[in-house]
């Protein structure tokens, strides 16, 4: 490969990596597929075992590591304003960790 081909390849790979990073950032912000901004919030006590989003507290390391259904320190991203209206067998969802 010549220098020009290498430079074009490097540029293309950089553009792909940047696009992927921006898409991941948009997902974390809660952007929807139509380009709108859907706000999300952490909701504690509503995740099923192994279905939590990242860092559920002591005894867990990241997403999918909660041990029990509706674990009080495990959270999931939900649409803003819906958390405290979510009913589970252990009570309502919470915006703060729930002590077991």
PDB file of N, CA and C in Angstrom:
ATOM      1  N   UNK A   1       0.848  -1.185   0.000  1.00  0.00           N
ATOM      2  CA  UNK A   1       0.000   0.000   0.000  1.00  0.00           C
ATOM      3  C   UNK A   1       0.888   1.241   0.000  1.00  0.00           C
ATOM      4  N   UNK A   2       0.428   2.240  -0.702  1.00  0.00           N
ATOM      5  CA  UNK A   2       1.207   3.481  -0.694  1.00  0.00           C
ATOM      6  C   UNK A   2       0.700   4.404   0.409  1.00  0.00           C
ATOM      7  N   UNK A   3       1.389   5.489   0.613  1.00  0.00           N
ATOM      8  CA  UNK A   3       1.071   6.413   1.710  1.00  0.00           C
ATOM      9  C   UNK A   3      -0.328   6.999   1.579  1.00  0.00           C
ATOM     10  N   UNK A   4      -0.742   7.295   0.350  1.00  0.00           N
ATOM     11  CA  UNK A   4      -2.074   7.881   0.137  1.00  0.00           C
ATOM     12  C   UNK A   4      -3.165   6.885   0.536  1.00  0.00           C
ATOM     13  N   UNK A   5      -3.013   5.634   0.155  1.00  0.00           N
ATOM     14  CA  UNK A   5      -3.990   4.609   0.495  1.00  0.00           C
ATOM     15  C   UNK A   5      -4.061   4.417   2.014  1.00  0.00           C
ATOM     16  N   UNK A   6      -2.908   4.396   2.664  1.00  0.00           N
ATOM     17  CA  UNK A   6      -2.874   4.257   4.121  1.00  0.00           C
ATOM     18  C   UNK A   6      -3.565   5.428   4.811  1.00  0.00           C
ATOM     19  N   UNK A   7      -3.325   6.630   4.299  1.00  0.00           N
ATOM     20  CA  UNK A   7      -3.936   7.816   4.896  1.00  0.00           C
ATOM     21  C   UNK A   7      -5.453   7.781   4.741  1.00  0.00           C
ATOM     22  N   UNK A   8      -5.945   7.397   3.572  1.00  0.00           N
ATOM     23  CA  UNK A   8      -7.388   7.323   3.336  1.00  0.00           C
ATOM     24  C   UNK A   8      -8.007   6.241   4.229  1.00  0.00           C
ATOM     25  N   UNK A   9      -7.326   5.103   4.339  1.00  0.00           N
ATOM     26  CA  UNK A   9      -7.819   4.022   5.196  1.00  0.00           C
ATOM     27  C   UNK A   9      -7.872   4.467   6.651  1.00  0.00           C
ATOM     28  N   UNK A  10      -6.832   5.131   7.119  1.00  0.00           N
ATOM     29  CA  UNK A  10      -6.801   5.612   8.501  1.00  0.00           C
ATOM     30  C   UNK A  10      -7.920   6.620   8.748  1.00  0.00           C
ATOM     31  N   UNK A  11      -8.147   7.512   7.789  1.00  0.00           N
ATOM     32  CA  UNK A  11      -9.217   8.497   7.925  1.00  0.00           C
ATOM     33  C   UNK A  11     -10.580   7.808   7.994  1.00  0.00           C
ATOM     34  N   UNK A  12     -10.806   6.829   7.118  1.00  0.00           N
ATOM     35  CA  UNK A  12     -12.086   6.120   7.104  1.00  0.00           C
ATOM     36  C   UNK A  12     -12.327   5.392   8.421  1.00  0.00           C
ATOM     37  N   UNK A  13     -11.304   4.734   8.941  1.00  0.00           N
ATOM     38  CA  UNK A  13     -11.441   4.029  10.218  1.00  0.00           C
ATOM     39  C   UNK A  13     -11.709   5.009  11.360  1.00  0.00           C
ATOM     40  N   UNK A  14     -11.064   6.166  11.323  1.00  0.00           N
ATOM     41  CA  UNK A  14     -11.309   7.185  12.353  1.00  0.00           C
ATOM     42  C   UNK A  14     -12.753   7.677  12.303  1.00  0.00           C
ATOM     43  N   UNK A  15     -13.257   7.881  11.097  1.00  0.00           N
ATOM     44  CA  UNK A  15     -14.635   8.348  10.950  1.00  0.00           C
ATOM     45  C   UNK A  15     -15.619   7.305  11.469  1.00  0.00           C
ATOM     46  N   UNK A  16     -15.367   6.038  11.166  1.00  0.00           N
ATOM     47  CA  UNK A  16     -16.249   4.974  11.668  1.00  0.00           C
ATOM     48  C   UNK A  16     -16.218   4.901  13.191  1.00  0.00           C
ATOM     49  N   UNK A  17     -15.032   4.998  13.772  1.00  0.00           N
ATOM     50  CA  UNK A  17     -14.902   4.941  15.227  1.00  0.00           C
ATOM     51  C   UNK A  17     -15.606   6.129  15.878  1.00  0.00           C
ATOM     52  N   UNK A  18     -15.466   7.304  15.287  1.00  0.00           N
ATOM     53  CA  UNK A  18     -16.124   8.496  15.828  1.00  0.00           C
ATOM     54  C   UNK A  18     -17.640   8.359  15.761  1.00  0.00           C
ATOM     55  N   UNK A  19     -18.138   7.845  14.655  1.00  0.00           N
ATOM     56  CA  UNK A  19     -19.576   7.650  14.508  1.00  0.00           C
ATOM     57  C   UNK A  19     -20.123   6.665  15.530  1.00  0.00           C
ATOM     58  N   UNK A  20     -19.394   5.588  15.754  1.00  0.00           N
ATOM     59  CA  UNK A  20     -19.819   4.597  16.742  1.00  0.00           C
ATOM     60  C   UNK A  20     -19.819   5.192  18.137  1.00  0.00           C
ATOM     61  N   UNK A  21     -18.810   5.987  18.456  1.00  0.00           N
ATOM     62  CA  UNK A  21     -18.740   6.620  19.773  1.00  0.00           C
ATOM     63  C   UNK A  21     -19.894   7.602  19.974  1.00  0.00           C
ATOM     64  N   UNK A  22     -20.217   8.364  18.937  1.00  0.00           N
ATOM     65  CA  UNK A  22     -21.326   9.317  19.047  1.00  0.00           C
ATOM     66  C   UNK A  22     -22.653   8.581  19.184  1.00  0.00           C
ATOM     67  N   UNK A  23     -22.820   7.471  18.484  1.00  0.00           N
ATOM     68  CA  UNK A  23     -24.056   6.704  18.595  1.00  0.00           C
ATOM     69  C   UNK A  23     -24.206   6.138  20.004  1.00  0.00           C
ATOM     70  N   UNK A  24     -23.112   5.644  20.574  1.00  0.00           N
ATOM     71  CA  UNK A  24     -23.161   5.110  21.940  1.00  0.00           C
ATOM     72  C   UNK A  24     -23.477   6.220  22.931  1.00  0.00           C
ATOM     73  N   UNK A  25     -22.893   7.402  22.738  1.00  0.00           N
ATOM     74  CA  UNK A  25     -23.159   8.537  23.618  1.00  0.00           C
ATOM     75  C   UNK A  25     -24.627   8.945  23.529  1.00  0.00           C
ATOM     76  N   UNK A  26     -25.187   8.956  22.315  1.00  0.00           N
ATOM     77  CA  UNK A  26     -26.592   9.313  22.138  1.00  0.00           C
ATOM     78  C   UNK A  26     -27.494   8.306  22.829  1.00  0.00           C
ATOM     79  N   UNK A  27     -27.133   7.018  22.770  1.00  0.00           N
ATOM     80  CA  UNK A  27     -27.938   5.994  23.433  1.00  0.00           C
ATOM     81  C   UNK A  27     -27.933   6.207  24.941  1.00  0.00           C
ATOM     82  N   UNK A  28     -26.786   6.550  25.510  1.00  0.00           N
ATOM     83  CA  UNK A  28     -26.699   6.779  26.951  1.00  0.00           C
ATOM     84  C   UNK A  28     -27.505   8.001  27.367  1.00  0.00           C
ATOM     85  N   UNK A  29     -27.637   8.973  26.469  1.00  0.00           N
ATOM     86  CA  UNK A  29     -28.435  10.155  26.782  1.00  0.00           C
ATOM     87  C   UNK A  29     -29.914   9.876  26.598  1.00  0.00           C
ATOM     88  N   UNK A  30     -30.239   8.773  25.932  1.00  0.00           N
ATOM     89  CA  UNK A  30     -31.635   8.413  25.742  1.00  0.00           C
ATOM     90  C   UNK A  30     -32.221   8.931  24.451  1.00  0.00           C
ATOM     91  N   UNK A  31     -31.402   9.232  23.454  1.00  0.00           N
ATOM     92  CA  UNK A  31     -31.931   9.691  22.182  1.00  0.00           C
ATOM     93  C   UNK A  31     -32.742   8.594  21.524  1.00  0.00           C
ATOM     94  N   UNK A  32     -33.845   8.962  20.887  1.00  0.00           N
ATOM     95  CA  UNK A  32     -34.641   7.940  20.230  1.00  0.00           C
ATOM     96  C   UNK A  32     -34.220   7.807  18.778  1.00  0.00           C
ATOM     97  N   UNK A  33     -34.813   6.870  18.043  1.00  0.00           N
ATOM     98  CA  UNK A  33     -34.420   6.585  16.675  1.00  0.00           C
ATOM     99  C   UNK A  33     -34.792   7.710  15.722  1.00  0.00           C
ATOM    100  N   UNK A  34     -35.668   8.585  16.110  1.00  0.00           N
ATOM    101  CA  UNK A  34     -36.072   9.688  15.251  1.00  0.00           C
ATOM    102  C   UNK A  34     -35.231  10.931  15.501  1.00  0.00           C
ATOM    103  N   UNK A  35     -34.215  10.820  16.325  1.00  0.00           N
ATOM    104  CA  UNK A  35     -33.340  11.944  16.575  1.00  0.00           C
ATOM    105  C   UNK A  35     -33.768  12.811  17.740  1.00  0.00           C
ATOM    106  N   UNK A  36     -34.877  12.493  18.385  1.00  0.00           N
ATOM    107  CA  UNK A  36     -35.345  13.272  19.531  1.00  0.00           C
ATOM    108  C   UNK A  36     -34.558  12.933  20.782  1.00  0.00           C
ATOM    109  N   UNK A  37     -34.767  13.667  21.807  1.00  0.00           N
ATOM    110  CA  UNK A  37     -34.053  13.465  23.067  1.00  0.00           C
ATOM    111  C   UNK A  37     -35.040  12.979  24.116  1.00  0.00           C
ATOM    112  N   UNK A  38     -35.049  11.675  24.356  1.00  0.00           N
ATOM    113  CA  UNK A  38     -35.920  11.085  25.376  1.00  0.00           C
ATOM    114  C   UNK A  38     -35.117  10.991  26.667  1.00  0.00           C
ATOM    115  N   UNK A  39     -35.517  11.697  27.694  1.00  0.00           N
ATOM    116  CA  UNK A  39     -34.775  11.724  28.952  1.00  0.00           C
ATOM    117  C   UNK A  39     -34.962  10.408  29.706  1.00  0.00           C
ATOM    118  N   UNK A  40     -33.866   9.930  30.286  1.00  0.00           N
ATOM    119  CA  UNK A  40     -33.888   8.713  31.089  1.00  0.00           C
ATOM    120  C   UNK A  40     -33.450   9.023  32.503  1.00  0.00           C
ATOM    121  N   UNK A  41     -33.832   8.137  33.423  1.00  0.00           N
ATOM    122  CA  UNK A  41     -33.385   8.256  34.803  1.00  0.00           C
ATOM    123  C   UNK A  41     -33.103   6.861  35.337  1.00  0.00           C
ATOM    124  N   UNK A  42     -32.267   6.804  36.370  1.00  0.00           N
ATOM    125  CA  UNK A  42     -31.984   5.537  37.034  1.00  0.00           C
ATOM    126  C   UNK A  42     -33.152   5.217  37.945  1.00  0.00           C
ATOM    127  N   UNK A  43     -33.634   3.976  37.850  1.00  0.00           N
ATOM    128  CA  UNK A  43     -34.738   3.539  38.690  1.00  0.00           C
ATOM    129  C   UNK A  43     -34.294   2.298  39.453  1.00  0.00           C
ATOM    130  N   UNK A  44     -34.270   2.401  40.764  1.00  0.00           N
ATOM    131  CA  UNK A  44     -33.812   1.323  41.636  1.00  0.00           C
ATOM    132  C   UNK A  44     -34.965   0.407  42.023  1.00  0.00           C
ATOM    133  N   UNK A  45     -34.643  -0.888  42.157  1.00  0.00           N
ATOM    134  CA  UNK A  45     -35.609  -1.849  42.655  1.00  0.00           C
ATOM    135  C   UNK A  45     -36.582  -2.390  41.627  1.00  0.00           C
ATOM    136  N   UNK A  46     -36.341  -2.143  40.342  1.00  0.00           N
ATOM    137  CA  UNK A  46     -37.271  -2.621  39.316  1.00  0.00           C
ATOM    138  C   UNK A  46     -36.649  -3.663  38.382  1.00  0.00           C
ATOM    139  N   UNK A  47     -35.347  -3.886  38.482  1.00  0.00           N
ATOM    140  CA  UNK A  47     -34.665  -4.811  37.572  1.00  0.00           C
ATOM    141  C   UNK A  47     -34.822  -6.256  38.029  1.00  0.00           C
ATOM    142  N   UNK A  48     -34.980  -7.141  37.058  1.00  0.00           N
ATOM    143  CA  UNK A  48     -34.978  -8.569  37.358  1.00  0.00           C
ATOM    144  C   UNK A  48     -33.534  -9.025  37.551  1.00  0.00           C
ATOM    145  N   UNK A  49     -33.343 -10.165  38.200  1.00  0.00           N
ATOM    146  CA  UNK A  49     -31.998 -10.697  38.439  1.00  0.00           C
ATOM    147  C   UNK A  49     -31.244 -10.807  37.117  1.00  0.00           C
ATOM    148  N   UNK A  50     -30.041 -10.244  37.104  1.00  0.00           N
ATOM    149  CA  UNK A  50     -29.193 -10.302  35.919  1.00  0.00           C
ATOM    150  C   UNK A  50     -29.602  -9.362  34.799  1.00  0.00           C
ATOM    151  N   UNK A  51     -30.567  -8.497  35.014  1.00  0.00           N
ATOM    152  CA  UNK A  51     -31.053  -7.585  33.967  1.00  0.00           C
ATOM    153  C   UNK A  51     -30.848  -6.117  34.323  1.00  0.00           C
ATOM    154  N   UNK A  52     -30.035  -5.844  35.341  1.00  0.00           N
ATOM    155  CA  UNK A  52     -29.790  -4.458  35.746  1.00  0.00           C
ATOM    156  C   UNK A  52     -28.841  -3.766  34.775  1.00  0.00           C
ATOM    157  N   UNK A  53     -28.869  -2.438  34.775  1.00  0.00           N
ATOM    158  CA  UNK A  53     -27.873  -1.670  34.049  1.00  0.00           C
ATOM    159  C   UNK A  53     -26.660  -1.555  34.969  1.00  0.00           C
ATOM    160  N   UNK A  54     -25.637  -0.875  34.578  1.00  0.00           N
ATOM    161  CA  UNK A  54     -24.318  -0.948  35.217  1.00  0.00           C
ATOM    162  C   UNK A  54     -24.274  -0.589  36.707  1.00  0.00           C
ATOM    163  N   UNK A  55     -23.299  -1.194  37.402  1.00  0.00           N
ATOM    164  CA  UNK A  55     -22.931  -0.900  38.797  1.00  0.00           C
ATOM    165  C   UNK A  55     -24.100  -0.886  39.767  1.00  0.00           C
ATOM    166  N   UNK A  56     -24.520  -2.052  40.179  1.00  0.00           N
ATOM    167  CA  UNK A  56     -25.663  -2.163  41.076  1.00  0.00           C
ATOM    168  C   UNK A  56     -25.281  -2.120  42.547  1.00  0.00           C
ATOM    169  N   UNK A  57     -24.065  -1.782  42.872  1.00  0.00           N
ATOM    170  CA  UNK A  57     -23.665  -1.673  44.267  1.00  0.00           C
ATOM    171  C   UNK A  57     -22.833  -2.853  44.729  1.00  0.00           C
ATOM    172  N   UNK A  58     -22.629  -2.965  46.046  1.00  0.00           N
ATOM    173  CA  UNK A  58     -21.782  -4.026  46.592  1.00  0.00           C
ATOM    174  C   UNK A  58     -22.229  -5.411  46.119  1.00  0.00           C
ATOM    175  N   UNK A  59     -21.258  -6.221  45.716  1.00  0.00           N
ATOM    176  CA  UNK A  59     -21.553  -7.566  45.247  1.00  0.00           C
ATOM    177  C   UNK A  59     -21.830  -7.645  43.757  1.00  0.00           C
ATOM    178  N   UNK A  60     -21.845  -6.498  43.088  1.00  0.00           N
ATOM    179  CA  UNK A  60     -22.046  -6.484  41.642  1.00  0.00           C
ATOM    180  C   UNK A  60     -20.946  -5.641  41.015  1.00  0.00           C
ATOM    181  N   UNK A  61     -20.656  -5.896  39.764  1.00  0.00           N
ATOM    182  CA  UNK A  61     -19.613  -5.140  39.093  1.00  0.00           C
ATOM    183  C   UNK A  61     -20.142  -4.274  37.967  1.00  0.00           C
ATOM    184  N   UNK A  62     -21.135  -4.753  37.245  1.00  0.00           N
ATOM    185  CA  UNK A  62     -21.669  -3.957  36.147  1.00  0.00           C
ATOM    186  C   UNK A  62     -22.985  -4.551  35.671  1.00  0.00           C
ATOM    187  N   UNK A  63     -23.363  -4.201  34.467  1.00  0.00           N
ATOM    188  CA  UNK A  63     -24.655  -4.637  33.930  1.00  0.00           C
ATOM    189  C   UNK A  63     -24.818  -6.148  34.002  1.00  0.00           C
ATOM    190  N   UNK A  64     -26.016  -6.569  34.377  1.00  0.00           N
ATOM    191  CA  UNK A  64     -26.341  -7.982  34.398  1.00  0.00           C
ATOM    192  C   UNK A  64     -25.814  -8.752  35.585  1.00  0.00           C
ATOM    193  N   UNK A  65     -25.405  -8.068  36.654  1.00  0.00           N
ATOM    194  CA  UNK A  65     -24.808  -8.767  37.796  1.00  0.00           C
ATOM    195  C   UNK A  65     -25.665  -8.748  39.053  1.00  0.00           C
ATOM    196  N   UNK A  66     -26.884  -8.241  38.974  1.00  0.00           N
ATOM    197  CA  UNK A  66     -27.740  -8.275  40.164  1.00  0.00           C
ATOM    198  C   UNK A  66     -28.106  -9.725  40.461  1.00  0.00           C
ATOM    199  N   UNK A  67     -28.244 -10.041  41.726  1.00  0.00           N
ATOM    200  CA  UNK A  67     -28.432 -11.426  42.166  1.00  0.00           C
ATOM    201  C   UNK A  67     -29.897 -11.826  42.325  1.00  0.00           C
ATOM    202  N   UNK A  68     -30.766 -10.867  42.627  1.00  0.00           N
ATOM    203  CA  UNK A  68     -32.168 -11.194  42.870  1.00  0.00           C
ATOM    204  C   UNK A  68     -33.078 -10.243  42.101  1.00  0.00           C
ATOM    205  N   UNK A  69     -34.301 -10.678  41.875  1.00  0.00           N
ATOM    206  CA  UNK A  69     -35.297  -9.801  41.259  1.00  0.00           C
ATOM    207  C   UNK A  69     -35.578  -8.626  42.189  1.00  0.00           C
ATOM    208  N   UNK A  70     -35.700  -7.462  41.628  1.00  0.00           N
ATOM    209  CA  UNK A  70     -36.065  -6.224  42.339  1.00  0.00           C
ATOM    210  C   UNK A  70     -35.077  -5.864  43.450  1.00  0.00           C
ATOM    211  N   UNK A  71     -33.809  -6.194  43.235  1.00  0.00           N
ATOM    212  CA  UNK A  71     -32.746  -5.881  44.197  1.00  0.00           C
ATOM    213  C   UNK A  71     -32.711  -4.371  44.413  1.00  0.00           C
ATOM    214  N   UNK A  72     -32.706  -3.949  45.662  1.00  0.00           N
ATOM    215  CA  UNK A  72     -32.836  -2.539  46.005  1.00  0.00           C
ATOM    216  C   UNK A  72     -31.719  -1.630  45.534  1.00  0.00           C
ATOM    217  N   UNK A  73     -30.508  -2.172  45.350  1.00  0.00           N
ATOM    218  CA  UNK A  73     -29.405  -1.321  44.898  1.00  0.00           C
ATOM    219  C   UNK A  73     -29.108  -1.516  43.411  1.00  0.00           C
ATOM    220  N   UNK A  74     -29.944  -2.286  42.717  1.00  0.00           N
ATOM    221  CA  UNK A  74     -29.793  -2.494  41.277  1.00  0.00           C
ATOM    222  C   UNK A  74     -30.733  -1.542  40.544  1.00  0.00           C
ATOM    223  N   UNK A  75     -30.228  -0.929  39.476  1.00  0.00           N
ATOM    224  CA  UNK A  75     -31.057   0.028  38.755  1.00  0.00           C
ATOM    225  C   UNK A  75     -31.117  -0.278  37.270  1.00  0.00           C
ATOM    226  N   UNK A  76     -32.138   0.272  36.636  1.00  0.00           N
ATOM    227  CA  UNK A  76     -32.305   0.234  35.183  1.00  0.00           C
ATOM    228  C   UNK A  76     -32.629   1.647  34.722  1.00  0.00           C
ATOM    229  N   UNK A  77     -32.241   1.969  33.499  1.00  0.00           N
ATOM    230  CA  UNK A  77     -32.658   3.231  32.909  1.00  0.00           C
ATOM    231  C   UNK A  77     -34.115   3.095  32.473  1.00  0.00           C
ATOM    232  N   UNK A  78     -34.919   4.047  32.857  1.00  0.00           N
ATOM    233  CA  UNK A  78     -36.327   4.097  32.459  1.00  0.00           C
ATOM    234  C   UNK A  78     -36.638   5.518  31.992  1.00  0.00           C
ATOM    235  N   UNK A  79     -37.748   5.678  31.308  1.00  0.00           N
ATOM    236  CA  UNK A  79     -38.157   7.011  30.857  1.00  0.00           C
ATOM    237  C   UNK A  79     -38.354   7.924  32.064  1.00  0.00           C
ATOM    238  N   UNK A  80     -37.835   9.140  31.947  1.00  0.00           N
ATOM    239  CA  UNK A  80     -37.932  10.101  33.046  1.00  0.00           C
ATOM    240  C   UNK A  80     -39.384  10.310  33.459  1.00  0.00           C
ATOM    241  N   UNK A  81     -39.603  10.278  34.764  1.00  0.00           N
ATOM    242  CA  UNK A  81     -40.933  10.501  35.304  1.00  0.00           C
ATOM    243  C   UNK A  81     -41.752   9.232  35.504  1.00  0.00           C
ATOM    244  N   UNK A  82     -41.210   8.063  35.097  1.00  0.00           N
ATOM    245  CA  UNK A  82     -41.980   6.831  35.232  1.00  0.00           C
ATOM    246  C   UNK A  82     -41.531   5.951  36.386  1.00  0.00           C
ATOM    247  N   UNK A  83     -40.354   6.180  36.928  1.00  0.00           N
ATOM    248  CA  UNK A  83     -39.776   5.285  37.930  1.00  0.00           C
ATOM    249  C   UNK A  83     -40.680   5.078  39.136  1.00  0.00           C
ATOM    250  N   UNK A  84     -41.074   6.146  39.759  1.00  0.00           N
ATOM    251  CA  UNK A  84     -41.824   6.028  41.017  1.00  0.00           C
ATOM    252  C   UNK A  84     -43.257   5.549  40.814  1.00  0.00           C
ATOM    253  N   UNK A  85     -43.671   5.375  39.547  1.00  0.00           N
ATOM    254  CA  UNK A  85     -45.006   4.829  39.277  1.00  0.00           C
ATOM    255  C   UNK A  85     -44.946   3.343  38.930  1.00  0.00           C
ATOM    256  N   UNK A  86     -43.726   2.783  38.870  1.00  0.00           N
ATOM    257  CA  UNK A  86     -43.561   1.364  38.529  1.00  0.00           C
ATOM    258  C   UNK A  86     -43.777   0.509  39.770  1.00  0.00           C
ATOM    259  N   UNK A  87     -44.763  -0.369  39.691  1.00  0.00           N
ATOM    260  CA  UNK A  87     -45.091  -1.232  40.822  1.00  0.00           C
ATOM    261  C   UNK A  87     -44.456  -2.602  40.623  1.00  0.00           C
ATOM    262  N   UNK A  88     -43.814  -3.113  41.668  1.00  0.00           N
ATOM    263  CA  UNK A  88     -43.209  -4.446  41.656  1.00  0.00           C
ATOM    264  C   UNK A  88     -43.766  -5.238  42.842  1.00  0.00           C
ATOM    265  N   UNK A  89     -43.521  -6.535  42.895  1.00  0.00           N
ATOM    266  CA  UNK A  89     -43.962  -7.310  44.059  1.00  0.00           C
ATOM    267  C   UNK A  89     -43.346  -6.827  45.374  1.00  0.00           C
ATOM    268  N   UNK A  90     -42.229  -6.073  45.288  1.00  0.00           N
ATOM    269  CA  UNK A  90     -41.583  -5.562  46.490  1.00  0.00           C
ATOM    270  C   UNK A  90     -41.863  -4.086  46.748  1.00  0.00           C
ATOM    271  N   UNK A  91     -42.764  -3.498  45.985  1.00  0.00           N
ATOM    272  CA  UNK A  91     -43.095  -2.093  46.171  1.00  0.00           C
ATOM    273  C   UNK A  91     -42.872  -1.289  44.902  1.00  0.00           C
ATOM    274  N   UNK A  92     -42.767   0.012  45.051  1.00  0.00           N
ATOM    275  CA  UNK A  92     -42.617   0.910  43.910  1.00  0.00           C
ATOM    276  C   UNK A  92     -41.140   1.125  43.589  1.00  0.00           C
ATOM    277  N   UNK A  93     -40.874   1.535  42.344  1.00  0.00           N
ATOM    278  CA  UNK A  93     -39.532   1.912  41.936  1.00  0.00           C
ATOM    279  C   UNK A  93     -39.087   3.137  42.715  1.00  0.00           C
ATOM    280  N   UNK A  94     -37.770   3.340  42.803  1.00  0.00           N
ATOM    281  CA  UNK A  94     -37.223   4.445  43.595  1.00  0.00           C
ATOM    282  C   UNK A  94     -36.107   5.144  42.831  1.00  0.00           C
ATOM    283  N   UNK A  95     -35.994   6.455  43.002  1.00  0.00           N
ATOM    284  CA  UNK A  95     -34.924   7.226  42.380  1.00  0.00           C
ATOM    285  C   UNK A  95     -33.619   7.115  43.163  1.00  0.00           C
ATOM    286  N   UNK A  96     -33.663   6.511  44.344  1.00  0.00           N
ATOM    287  CA  UNK A  96     -32.479   6.299  45.186  1.00  0.00           C
ATOM    288  C   UNK A  96     -32.410   4.824  45.562  1.00  0.00           C
ATOM    289  N   UNK A  97     -31.214   4.315  45.859  1.00  0.00           N
ATOM    290  CA  UNK A  97     -31.115   2.908  46.246  1.00  0.00           C
ATOM    291  C   UNK A  97     -32.037   2.580  47.416  1.00  0.00           C
ATOM    292  N   UNK A  98     -32.595   1.397  47.371  1.00  0.00           N
ATOM    293  CA  UNK A  98     -33.517   0.940  48.418  1.00  0.00           C
ATOM    294  C   UNK A  98     -32.752  -0.001  49.338  1.00  0.00           C
ATOM    295  N   UNK A  99     -32.811   0.262  50.634  1.00  0.00           N
ATOM    296  CA  UNK A  99     -32.147  -0.626  51.590  1.00  0.00           C
ATOM    297  C   UNK A  99     -32.944  -1.908  51.723  1.00  0.00           C
ATOM    298  N   UNK A 100     -32.236  -3.030  51.706  1.00  0.00           N
ATOM    299  CA  UNK A 100     -32.906  -4.336  51.812  1.00  0.00           C
ATOM    300  C   UNK A 100     -33.193  -4.709  53.225  1.00  0.00           C
TER     301      UNK A 100
END
